[in-house]
């Protein structure tokens, strides 16, 4: 299968009078690794279950290579499924667990054995084929679950938070394995998670869903640099994007009032004239702010260090700005730099890294030429 099309799909639960998915439209391309990212309850798992055929579609169409599959069950769609729970058969050995879907299709034993041994080698499970799942660690059990799902060489692989419950080291290993298997087997994969680091490490593209609606779909760079709305800007990035209230002074600058006077921030490009004099939200990412102990002209604002968090190679500073609303702001600095609580620092926001929002809507300055 080369692609999946989700076309104006809705999922409504009548008893709860709830629309879990609302008019969802996007495409998963041939051999693409697409991650569906969003907060809990945002509609991610309902979308995946409709792709799998485990949930009825209220309205709209899902097409596999142009063929409508709305009324086909999971077996007819030839999809592989793996969830957070391993759902392994505890009375069967690892070998028998992996072989189960092949035998269910009536495959002959020589072919079953060939496929099981091949997939076991890919997942480094050969030494444990004779063991039972209960004797394996969590990471190994999830490997068995994935091997069982993929042994049939499915058209589409669907993974719903398969490693979210594992510790950090095992999760990193499993992420690398999942991406490697995707690349070597040439699958089309849809992966659901609420974990940004997981999404960024795995994806070709990310589809961000919130409130059952698609917020944005694109590469990591596209979403990072050109968020479609304020929710996406805040949701993607750790620490999250900072938001400060300012006023558009003219087509090329925004003013933020502070205890030390109005601070002018030049903007890359020309702001639409209808915003002049209006209040606007200024967004800056913590990783793109530079810090100094001396004021350094335009595009700087003072802040007082309130909290210092050491995170290995970086330090996250929580700052209190001196703006009218006493905004809290996060800044990421190298761990080699040393600052003290209560210290006043000057924060520089280069023109090219400033984002502007009118409510939820991004304001995009026009570039010259």
Protein backbone atom coordinates (compact mmCIF):
# COMPACT_ATOMS: atom_id res chain seq x y z
CA UNK A 1 0.00 0.00 0.00
CA UNK A 2 1.40 3.41 -0.93
CA UNK A 3 -0.83 5.91 0.89
CA UNK A 4 -3.70 6.47 3.31
CA UNK A 5 -6.25 9.26 2.86
CA UNK A 6 -8.41 10.46 5.74
CA UNK A 7 -11.13 12.58 4.13
CA UNK A 8 -13.46 14.74 6.29
CA UNK A 9 -13.73 12.01 8.93
CA UNK A 10 -15.90 12.38 12.03
CA UNK A 11 -16.28 10.13 15.06
CA UNK A 12 -19.32 10.87 17.24
CA UNK A 13 -20.22 8.83 20.32
CA UNK A 14 -24.04 9.24 20.53
CA UNK A 15 -24.46 8.12 24.14
CA UNK A 16 -22.00 10.70 25.40
CA UNK A 17 -23.07 13.21 22.73
CA UNK A 18 -19.37 13.74 22.08
CA UNK A 19 -17.48 14.29 18.84
CA UNK A 20 -14.07 12.71 19.44
CA UNK A 21 -12.87 13.49 15.89
CA UNK A 22 -14.15 16.45 13.88
CA UNK A 23 -13.82 16.80 10.10
CA UNK A 24 -10.32 15.33 10.03
CA UNK A 25 -8.50 15.43 6.69
CA UNK A 26 -4.89 14.51 5.94
CA UNK A 27 -2.79 12.04 3.93
CA UNK A 28 -0.15 9.52 4.99
CA UNK A 29 2.27 9.09 2.11
CA UNK A 30 3.89 5.92 0.76
CA UNK A 31 6.46 4.52 3.24
CA UNK A 32 6.03 7.59 5.46
CA UNK A 33 6.43 7.53 9.24
CA UNK A 34 3.68 9.88 10.41
CA UNK A 35 3.30 10.68 14.10
CA UNK A 36 -0.06 11.85 15.47
CA UNK A 37 0.80 14.12 18.39
CA UNK A 38 -1.53 15.78 20.85
CA UNK A 39 -2.70 16.04 24.45
CA UNK A 40 -4.65 13.29 26.20
CA UNK A 41 -8.27 13.17 25.06
CA UNK A 42 -7.49 15.06 21.87
CA UNK A 43 -8.74 12.38 19.45
CA UNK A 44 -5.47 10.62 18.59
CA UNK A 45 -6.45 7.09 19.61
CA UNK A 46 -9.95 7.38 18.10
CA UNK A 47 -8.30 8.29 14.79
CA UNK A 48 -5.96 5.31 15.00
CA UNK A 49 -8.79 2.94 15.87
CA UNK A 50 -10.79 4.12 12.85
CA UNK A 51 -7.75 3.50 10.65
CA UNK A 52 -7.52 -0.01 12.11
CA UNK A 53 -11.22 -0.76 11.62
CA UNK A 54 -11.82 -1.06 15.38
CA UNK A 55 -14.16 1.96 15.42
CA UNK A 56 -16.98 2.80 13.03
CA UNK A 57 -16.66 6.05 11.08
CA UNK A 58 -19.58 8.42 11.69
CA UNK A 59 -18.99 10.49 8.54
CA UNK A 60 -16.29 10.81 5.90
CA UNK A 61 -14.02 8.29 4.20
CA UNK A 62 -10.79 6.46 4.87
CA UNK A 63 -9.06 5.20 1.71
CA UNK A 64 -6.15 2.81 1.33
CA UNK A 65 -4.56 3.40 -2.07
CA UNK A 66 -7.76 5.02 -3.26
CA UNK A 67 -10.01 2.18 -2.04
CA UNK A 68 -12.65 3.10 0.57
CA UNK A 69 -12.21 0.83 3.62
CA UNK A 70 -14.93 2.24 5.89
CA UNK A 71 -16.81 -1.07 5.99
CA UNK A 72 -13.80 -3.41 6.13
CA UNK A 73 -12.71 -5.11 9.36
CA UNK A 74 -9.11 -5.13 10.66
CA UNK A 75 -8.22 -8.45 8.99
CA UNK A 76 -9.49 -7.25 5.60
CA UNK A 77 -7.41 -4.08 5.87
CA UNK A 78 -4.17 -6.02 6.56
CA UNK A 79 -2.97 -3.65 9.27
CA UNK A 80 -0.52 -4.32 12.09
CA UNK A 81 -1.49 -3.10 15.55
CA UNK A 82 0.59 -2.59 18.67
CA UNK A 83 -0.59 -0.84 21.81
CA UNK A 84 0.83 0.14 25.19
CA UNK A 85 -0.35 -3.19 26.60
CA UNK A 86 1.50 -6.10 25.00
CA UNK A 87 -1.58 -8.40 24.82
CA UNK A 88 0.64 -11.48 24.54
CA UNK A 89 -0.58 -15.04 25.06
CA UNK A 90 1.08 -15.92 28.35
CA UNK A 91 0.69 -19.71 27.92
CA UNK A 92 2.47 -19.65 24.57
CA UNK A 93 6.18 -19.30 23.97
CA UNK A 94 7.62 -16.28 22.21
CA UNK A 95 7.89 -18.39 19.05
CA UNK A 96 4.23 -19.43 19.24
CA UNK A 97 3.10 -15.85 19.94
CA UNK A 98 4.82 -14.58 16.81
CA UNK A 99 3.61 -17.53 14.74
CA UNK A 100 -0.02 -17.17 15.86
CA UNK A 101 -1.26 -14.74 13.15
CA UNK A 102 0.48 -16.77 10.44
CA UNK A 103 -1.13 -20.02 11.57
CA UNK A 104 -4.50 -18.25 11.81
CA UNK A 105 -4.17 -17.56 8.07
CA UNK A 106 -3.49 -21.25 7.38
CA UNK A 107 0.16 -20.84 6.46
CA UNK A 108 2.23 -24.06 6.23
CA UNK A 109 4.77 -24.77 8.97
CA UNK A 110 7.95 -24.38 6.82
CA UNK A 111 6.84 -20.87 5.78
CA UNK A 112 5.74 -20.05 9.35
CA UNK A 113 9.15 -21.07 10.66
CA UNK A 114 10.99 -19.03 8.03
CA UNK A 115 9.00 -15.88 8.76
CA UNK A 116 9.21 -16.25 12.55
CA UNK A 117 12.97 -16.76 12.54
CA UNK A 118 13.45 -13.82 10.15
CA UNK A 119 11.41 -11.36 12.25
CA UNK A 120 12.93 -12.68 15.49
CA UNK A 121 16.38 -11.89 14.15
CA UNK A 122 15.31 -8.35 13.23
CA UNK A 123 14.03 -7.76 16.77
CA UNK A 124 16.94 -9.56 18.53
CA UNK A 125 14.53 -12.16 19.91
CA UNK A 126 16.25 -15.32 18.68
CA UNK A 127 17.71 -16.22 22.11
CA UNK A 128 14.29 -16.04 23.83
CA UNK A 129 12.06 -17.81 21.27
CA UNK A 130 11.53 -20.79 23.60
CA UNK A 131 10.72 -18.65 26.64
CA UNK A 132 7.29 -17.50 27.84
CA UNK A 133 6.41 -13.77 27.93
CA UNK A 134 6.17 -13.66 31.73
CA UNK A 135 9.90 -14.37 32.00
CA UNK A 136 10.84 -11.37 29.81
CA UNK A 137 11.48 -7.73 30.70
CA UNK A 138 9.04 -5.09 29.49
CA UNK A 139 11.19 -4.01 26.55
CA UNK A 140 11.51 -7.59 25.34
CA UNK A 141 7.78 -8.20 25.66
CA UNK A 142 7.08 -5.12 23.53
CA UNK A 143 9.56 -6.43 20.95
CA UNK A 144 7.55 -9.65 20.84
CA UNK A 145 4.32 -7.66 20.44
CA UNK A 146 5.80 -5.66 17.55
CA UNK A 147 7.29 -8.78 15.92
CA UNK A 148 3.90 -10.51 16.07
CA UNK A 149 2.23 -7.46 14.52
CA UNK A 150 4.74 -7.10 11.70
CA UNK A 151 5.40 -10.75 10.82
CA UNK A 152 2.47 -10.72 8.37
CA UNK A 153 4.10 -7.90 6.36
CA UNK A 154 1.10 -5.57 6.74
CA UNK A 155 0.03 -2.78 4.43
CA UNK A 156 -0.06 -0.32 7.33
CA UNK A 157 1.55 -0.34 10.79
CA UNK A 158 -0.44 1.36 13.57
CA UNK A 159 1.28 1.99 16.91
CA UNK A 160 -0.60 3.53 19.85
CA UNK A 161 1.83 4.77 22.56
CA UNK A 162 3.66 1.41 22.52
CA UNK A 163 6.57 2.52 24.71
CA UNK A 164 5.08 5.28 26.89
CA UNK A 165 5.22 3.19 30.08
CA UNK A 166 8.89 2.20 29.77
CA UNK A 167 11.82 3.85 31.52
CA UNK A 168 13.85 6.42 29.61
CA UNK A 169 16.76 4.16 28.60
CA UNK A 170 14.53 1.38 27.26
CA UNK A 171 12.34 3.91 25.46
CA UNK A 172 15.36 5.33 23.64
CA UNK A 173 16.37 1.82 22.53
CA UNK A 174 12.83 1.01 21.38
CA UNK A 175 12.51 4.28 19.46
CA UNK A 176 15.66 3.48 17.52
CA UNK A 177 14.44 -0.07 16.85
CA UNK A 178 10.98 1.03 15.68
CA UNK A 179 12.44 3.56 13.26
CA UNK A 180 15.00 1.03 11.99
CA UNK A 181 12.33 -1.61 11.37
CA UNK A 182 10.18 0.94 9.55
CA UNK A 183 13.05 1.89 7.26
CA UNK A 184 14.25 -1.64 6.54
CA UNK A 185 10.80 -3.15 5.97
CA UNK A 186 9.55 -0.21 3.89
CA UNK A 187 6.28 0.10 5.81
CA UNK A 188 3.82 2.95 6.00
CA UNK A 189 3.56 3.73 9.72
CA UNK A 190 1.19 5.82 11.86
CA UNK A 191 2.36 6.30 15.44
CA UNK A 192 0.28 7.94 18.20
CA UNK A 193 1.94 9.66 21.15
CA UNK A 194 1.62 12.63 23.51
CA UNK A 195 5.42 12.74 23.93
CA UNK A 196 7.14 15.41 21.84
CA UNK A 197 10.62 13.92 22.14
CA UNK A 198 9.27 10.61 20.86
CA UNK A 199 7.48 12.32 17.96
CA UNK A 200 10.53 14.32 16.91
CA UNK A 201 12.89 11.34 17.15
CA UNK A 202 10.69 9.09 14.99
CA UNK A 203 8.73 11.09 12.45
CA UNK A 204 8.98 12.13 8.86
CA UNK A 205 6.02 14.42 9.55
CA UNK A 206 3.84 15.25 12.55
CA UNK A 207 0.05 15.70 12.57
CA UNK A 208 -0.98 17.68 15.65
CA UNK A 209 -4.54 17.00 16.85
CA UNK A 210 -6.38 18.80 19.64
CA UNK A 211 -10.07 18.79 20.47
CA UNK A 212 -10.60 16.21 17.74
CA UNK A 213 -9.39 18.62 15.06
CA UNK A 214 -6.22 18.79 13.00
CA UNK A 215 -4.19 21.79 14.10
CA UNK A 216 -1.22 21.40 11.73
CA UNK A 217 0.63 18.77 9.74
CA UNK A 218 4.21 19.13 8.56
CA UNK A 219 7.85 18.41 9.22
CA UNK A 220 9.41 19.25 12.57
CA UNK A 221 11.12 22.29 11.02
CA UNK A 222 7.86 23.56 9.49
CA UNK A 223 5.95 23.25 12.76
CA UNK A 224 8.80 24.71 14.84
CA UNK A 225 9.41 27.70 12.57
CA UNK A 226 5.88 28.35 11.25
CA UNK A 227 3.29 27.18 13.81
CA UNK A 228 -0.25 27.33 12.42
CA UNK A 229 -1.71 28.78 15.62
CA UNK A 230 -0.88 29.68 19.21
CA UNK A 231 -1.79 26.19 20.49
CA UNK A 232 0.76 24.54 18.18
CA UNK A 233 3.39 27.15 19.08
CA UNK A 234 2.92 26.42 22.78
CA UNK A 235 2.47 22.65 22.53
CA UNK A 236 5.58 21.92 20.47
CA UNK A 237 8.81 22.67 22.28
CA UNK A 238 10.23 21.94 25.72
CA UNK A 239 10.25 24.28 27.52
CA UNK A 240 7.20 25.73 25.78
CA UNK A 241 7.22 28.95 23.80
CA UNK A 242 7.05 32.10 25.95
CA UNK A 243 4.21 34.58 25.37
CA UNK A 244 4.44 38.28 26.28
CA UNK A 245 1.86 41.02 25.65
CA UNK A 246 3.00 43.94 23.48
CA UNK A 247 1.63 46.72 21.30
CA UNK A 248 2.37 47.14 17.59
CA UNK A 249 4.17 50.48 17.32
CA UNK A 250 4.53 50.58 13.55
CA UNK A 251 4.97 48.22 10.63
CA UNK A 252 8.36 47.02 11.85
CA UNK A 253 8.31 47.09 15.64
CA UNK A 254 6.45 46.01 18.76
CA UNK A 255 6.70 47.77 22.11
CA UNK A 256 6.59 46.02 25.49
CA UNK A 257 6.04 48.41 28.43
CA UNK A 258 8.32 47.66 31.43
CA UNK A 259 9.27 49.18 34.78
CA UNK A 260 12.32 50.60 33.01
CA UNK A 261 10.39 52.17 30.14
CA UNK A 262 9.10 50.89 26.83
CA UNK A 263 11.28 48.25 25.21
CA UNK A 264 11.25 48.24 21.42
CA UNK A 265 11.52 44.98 19.47
CA UNK A 266 12.22 45.16 15.76
CA UNK A 267 10.40 42.56 13.66
CA UNK A 268 11.72 40.83 10.55
CA UNK A 269 9.37 41.98 7.79
CA UNK A 270 6.44 44.42 7.62
CA UNK A 271 3.43 44.04 9.94
CA UNK A 272 0.04 44.72 8.36
CA UNK A 273 -0.94 48.33 9.05
CA UNK A 274 -4.29 47.35 10.57
CA UNK A 275 -2.43 46.03 13.64
CA UNK A 276 -0.70 49.35 14.42
CA UNK A 277 -1.68 50.51 17.90
CA UNK A 278 -3.26 47.16 18.76
CA UNK A 279 -2.29 44.77 21.53
CA UNK A 280 -0.62 41.62 20.26
CA UNK A 281 1.02 38.49 21.69
CA UNK A 282 4.77 38.18 21.19
CA UNK A 283 6.11 34.61 21.17
CA UNK A 284 9.76 33.62 21.66
CA UNK A 285 11.23 30.17 22.17
CA UNK A 286 13.39 29.67 25.30
CA UNK A 287 16.15 28.04 23.24
CA UNK A 288 16.52 31.11 20.99
CA UNK A 289 16.90 33.81 23.64
CA UNK A 290 20.41 35.07 24.38
CA UNK A 291 21.41 36.30 27.83
CA UNK A 292 23.82 39.02 29.00
CA UNK A 293 24.49 40.96 32.18
CA UNK A 294 24.52 44.32 30.36
CA UNK A 295 21.85 46.05 28.29
CA UNK A 296 22.66 45.67 24.62
CA UNK A 297 20.50 48.07 22.60
CA UNK A 298 17.20 47.18 20.94
CA UNK A 299 15.40 43.85 21.20
CA UNK A 300 16.42 43.40 24.84
CA UNK A 301 14.35 43.29 28.01
CA UNK A 302 15.37 42.88 31.66
CA UNK A 303 14.32 39.92 33.78
CA UNK A 304 15.07 38.67 37.27
CA UNK A 305 16.14 35.04 37.84
CA UNK A 306 13.63 33.24 40.06
CA UNK A 307 14.44 29.56 39.55
CA UNK A 308 17.38 27.60 38.14
CA UNK A 309 16.94 24.03 36.84
CA UNK A 310 19.99 22.01 35.83
CA UNK A 311 19.23 19.50 33.05
CA UNK A 312 22.51 17.92 32.08
CA UNK A 313 24.04 19.94 29.24
CA UNK A 314 21.58 22.82 29.63
CA UNK A 315 20.15 24.97 32.39
CA UNK A 316 16.60 26.34 32.32
CA UNK A 317 16.16 29.74 33.94
CA UNK A 318 12.71 30.88 35.06
CA UNK A 319 12.68 34.67 34.82
CA UNK A 320 10.27 37.32 36.06
CA UNK A 321 10.01 40.08 33.47
CA UNK A 322 9.54 43.68 34.51
CA UNK A 323 6.67 44.13 32.03
CA UNK A 324 3.26 45.41 33.13
CA UNK A 325 1.86 41.88 33.59
CA UNK A 326 4.93 40.51 35.43
CA UNK A 327 5.20 37.70 32.91
CA UNK A 328 7.07 34.49 33.74
CA UNK A 329 9.53 33.54 31.02
CA UNK A 330 11.79 30.50 30.45
CA UNK A 331 15.31 30.74 29.02
CA UNK A 332 17.64 27.88 28.04
CA UNK A 333 21.36 28.50 28.58
CA UNK A 334 24.43 26.21 28.47
CA UNK A 335 25.07 24.39 31.75
CA UNK A 336 28.54 25.95 31.83
CA UNK A 337 27.03 29.41 32.41
CA UNK A 338 26.41 30.34 36.04
CA UNK A 339 23.65 32.63 37.30
CA UNK A 340 22.17 33.29 40.74
CA UNK A 341 18.56 33.60 41.95
CA UNK A 342 17.61 37.27 42.15
CA UNK A 343 20.14 38.31 39.51
CA UNK A 344 18.90 40.74 36.84
CA UNK A 345 19.78 39.72 33.29
CA UNK A 346 19.14 41.26 29.89
CA UNK A 347 17.36 39.00 27.43
CA UNK A 348 17.84 39.52 23.71
CA UNK A 349 15.23 38.40 21.17
CA UNK A 350 16.63 38.61 17.62
CA UNK A 351 14.08 39.90 15.09
CA UNK A 352 14.02 36.68 13.07
CA UNK A 353 12.97 34.47 16.01
CA UNK A 354 9.96 36.57 17.14
CA UNK A 355 6.47 35.16 16.49
CA UNK A 356 3.32 37.32 16.63
CA UNK A 357 -0.22 36.18 17.42
CA UNK A 358 -3.59 37.91 17.34
CA UNK A 359 -5.51 35.62 19.69
CA UNK A 360 -4.89 32.09 18.33
CA UNK A 361 -4.06 33.33 14.82
CA UNK A 362 -0.45 33.92 13.78
CA UNK A 363 0.43 37.33 12.35
CA UNK A 364 2.98 36.87 9.58
CA UNK A 365 4.93 40.00 8.61
CA UNK A 366 5.44 40.49 4.88
CA UNK A 367 9.01 39.96 3.76
CA UNK A 368 10.62 42.54 1.41
CA UNK A 369 10.77 41.62 -2.27
